[in-house]
Protein backbone atom coordinates (compact mmCIF):
# COMPACT_ATOMS: atom_id res chain seq x y z
CA UNK A 1 0.03 -0.09 0.69
CA UNK A 2 2.55 1.89 -1.32
CA UNK A 3 0.37 5.12 -1.82
CA UNK A 4 -1.63 4.18 1.47
CA UNK A 5 -1.95 8.47 2.32
CA UNK A 6 -3.96 8.31 -0.40
CA UNK A 7 -6.32 5.98 -0.26
CA UNK A 8 -6.78 4.81 3.24
CA UNK A 9 -9.38 6.28 5.63
CA UNK A 10 -7.52 4.20 8.66
CA UNK A 11 -6.51 1.60 9.44
CA UNK A 12 -5.96 -0.71 13.36
CA UNK A 13 -3.93 -3.31 14.57
CA UNK A 14 -5.22 -6.23 16.67
CA UNK A 15 -4.64 -6.07 20.77
CA UNK A 16 -2.40 -9.16 19.76
CA UNK A 17 -1.31 -7.36 16.98
CA UNK A 18 -1.92 -10.02 14.52
CA UNK A 19 -3.97 -8.27 12.68
CA UNK A 20 -3.93 -5.81 10.49
CA UNK A 21 -7.18 -3.63 9.00
CA UNK A 22 -6.56 -1.07 6.41
CA UNK A 23 -10.52 0.68 5.88
CA UNK A 24 -10.08 2.98 2.03
CA UNK A 25 -11.66 6.06 1.57
CA UNK A 26 -14.90 5.49 0.26
CA UNK A 27 -13.77 8.87 -2.47
CA UNK A 28 -10.75 7.18 -3.39
CA UNK A 29 -10.80 6.82 -7.14
CA UNK A 30 -7.85 5.82 -9.92
CA UNK A 31 -7.64 8.10 -12.25
CA UNK A 32 -9.82 7.25 -14.80
CA UNK A 33 -12.24 7.69 -12.21
CA UNK A 34 -12.79 4.42 -11.28
CA UNK A 35 -13.28 3.66 -7.51
CA UNK A 36 -10.18 1.79 -5.58
CA UNK A 37 -11.20 -1.14 -4.27
CA UNK A 38 -10.05 -3.85 -1.51
CA UNK A 39 -9.94 -6.74 -4.31
CA UNK A 40 -7.08 -4.00 -5.83
CA UNK A 41 -5.07 -3.69 -2.79
CA UNK A 42 -5.23 -8.01 -2.81
CA UNK A 43 -4.86 -8.23 -6.39
CA UNK A 44 -1.24 -5.92 -5.79
CA UNK A 45 -0.05 -8.27 -2.88
CA UNK A 46 -0.57 -11.09 -5.36
CA UNK A 47 1.49 -9.60 -8.34
CA UNK A 48 4.29 -8.65 -5.25
CA UNK A 49 4.47 -12.38 -4.78
CA UNK A 50 3.80 -14.17 -8.38
CA UNK A 51 6.82 -16.28 -8.81
CA UNK A 52 6.89 -14.87 -12.64
CA UNK A 53 7.18 -11.55 -11.51
CA UNK A 54 8.57 -10.99 -8.46
CA UNK A 55 10.98 -13.97 -7.44
CA UNK A 56 13.60 -11.50 -8.94
CA UNK A 57 13.08 -9.25 -6.55
CA UNK A 58 11.09 -9.37 -3.65
CA UNK A 59 13.15 -9.07 -0.01
CA UNK A 60 11.33 -8.03 1.62
CA UNK A 61 11.20 -9.32 5.64
CA UNK A 62 7.63 -11.30 6.62
CA UNK A 63 6.06 -11.89 9.37
CA UNK A 64 5.27 -15.18 8.18
CA UNK A 65 6.59 -18.12 6.59
CA UNK A 66 3.43 -17.76 4.29
CA UNK A 67 4.43 -15.79 1.61
CA UNK A 68 7.43 -17.37 1.61
CA UNK A 69 6.27 -19.72 0.53
CA UNK A 70 3.89 -18.99 -2.09
CA UNK A 71 6.10 -17.48 -3.58
CA UNK A 72 8.52 -19.84 -4.04
CA UNK A 73 6.05 -22.66 -4.62
CA UNK A 74 6.38 -24.69 -2.07
CA UNK A 75 2.45 -23.96 -1.81
CA UNK A 76 0.14 -22.83 -4.62
CA UNK A 77 -2.73 -21.02 -2.60
CA UNK A 78 -2.65 -17.14 -1.67
CA UNK A 79 -5.15 -17.63 0.65
CA UNK A 80 -2.78 -19.17 2.94
CA UNK A 81 -0.83 -15.81 2.59
CA UNK A 82 -3.21 -13.60 5.10
CA UNK A 83 -4.33 -10.65 2.37
CA UNK A 84 -7.97 -10.82 1.96
CA UNK A 85 -10.28 -8.35 1.26
CA UNK A 86 -13.00 -7.98 3.95
CA UNK A 87 -15.68 -5.92 1.96
CA UNK A 88 -14.49 -3.16 -0.94
CA UNK A 89 -12.94 -1.22 1.12
CA UNK A 90 -11.34 -3.27 3.99
CA UNK A 91 -8.24 -5.16 3.72
CA UNK A 92 -6.66 -7.61 6.16
CA UNK A 93 -3.53 -8.30 6.59
CA UNK A 94 -3.07 -11.40 8.86
CA UNK A 95 0.83 -12.16 10.55
CA UNK A 96 1.92 -15.60 11.88
CA UNK A 97 3.83 -13.62 14.35
CA UNK A 98 4.08 -10.33 15.67
CA UNK A 99 6.09 -7.26 13.90
CA UNK A 100 6.68 -4.02 14.58
CA UNK A 101 7.95 -3.52 11.62
CA UNK A 102 5.78 -4.91 9.87
CA UNK A 103 3.84 -0.81 8.23
CA UNK A 104 7.44 -0.06 7.07
CA UNK A 105 7.13 -3.35 5.01
CA UNK A 106 4.19 -2.86 3.65
CA UNK A 107 5.71 0.93 2.00
CA UNK A 108 7.96 -1.02 -0.24
CA UNK A 109 7.51 0.35 -3.70
CA UNK A 110 6.46 -2.93 -5.38
CA UNK A 111 3.13 -3.75 -2.85
CA UNK A 112 0.58 -1.05 -4.91
CA UNK A 113 -2.85 -1.34 -5.88
CA UNK A 114 -3.32 -2.30 -9.16
CA UNK A 115 -6.41 -1.64 -11.63
CA UNK A 116 -7.50 -4.65 -13.14
CA UNK A 117 -9.04 -4.13 -15.74
CA UNK A 118 -6.42 -1.76 -16.80
CA UNK A 119 -4.02 -4.97 -16.68
CA UNK A 120 -6.37 -7.22 -18.78
CA UNK A 121 -7.28 -4.84 -20.99
CA UNK A 122 -3.96 -4.64 -21.72
CA UNK A 123 -2.34 -8.16 -20.91
CA UNK A 124 -0.44 -7.18 -18.06
CA UNK A 125 -2.24 -10.26 -16.31
CA UNK A 126 0.92 -12.32 -18.55
CA UNK A 127 2.81 -10.47 -20.10
CA UNK A 128 5.70 -8.14 -18.89
CA UNK A 129 6.68 -4.17 -20.25
CA UNK A 130 2.86 -3.94 -21.84
CA UNK A 131 0.27 -0.28 -22.52
CA UNK A 132 -0.96 -0.63 -19.50
CA UNK A 133 1.36 1.10 -17.37
CA UNK A 134 1.32 4.06 -19.30
CA UNK A 135 -0.36 7.33 -18.29
CA UNK A 136 -2.23 7.66 -21.88
CA UNK A 137 -3.75 4.13 -21.19
């Protein structure tokens, strides 16, 4: 959630510090006017941890073995990573152990929301270097 200051309304950390819940602003929008959703945030995490995209660049420490296991192919179930959309404006991140540095991990410049219709329109889910990242599209 690199751009969280623009899209985040608030966040909560559970008393046991294992669950981080982020509430998105109702007026958070993409540049084309589409609403930014929790699914867009989850899609960013999924892409970041996808072996074909992330293996070369993922060096961020993780407070759980689940993301590393998913990234390295030992586990193919993204749901086990602990990144979920509770509803269209709420993202929930579940950790396996306390990590006071976790908010800093979320500032990684590769973990960003993804406008999924643009990815689909320009083939960005399966290919690198497509037009989906160009400002005009």
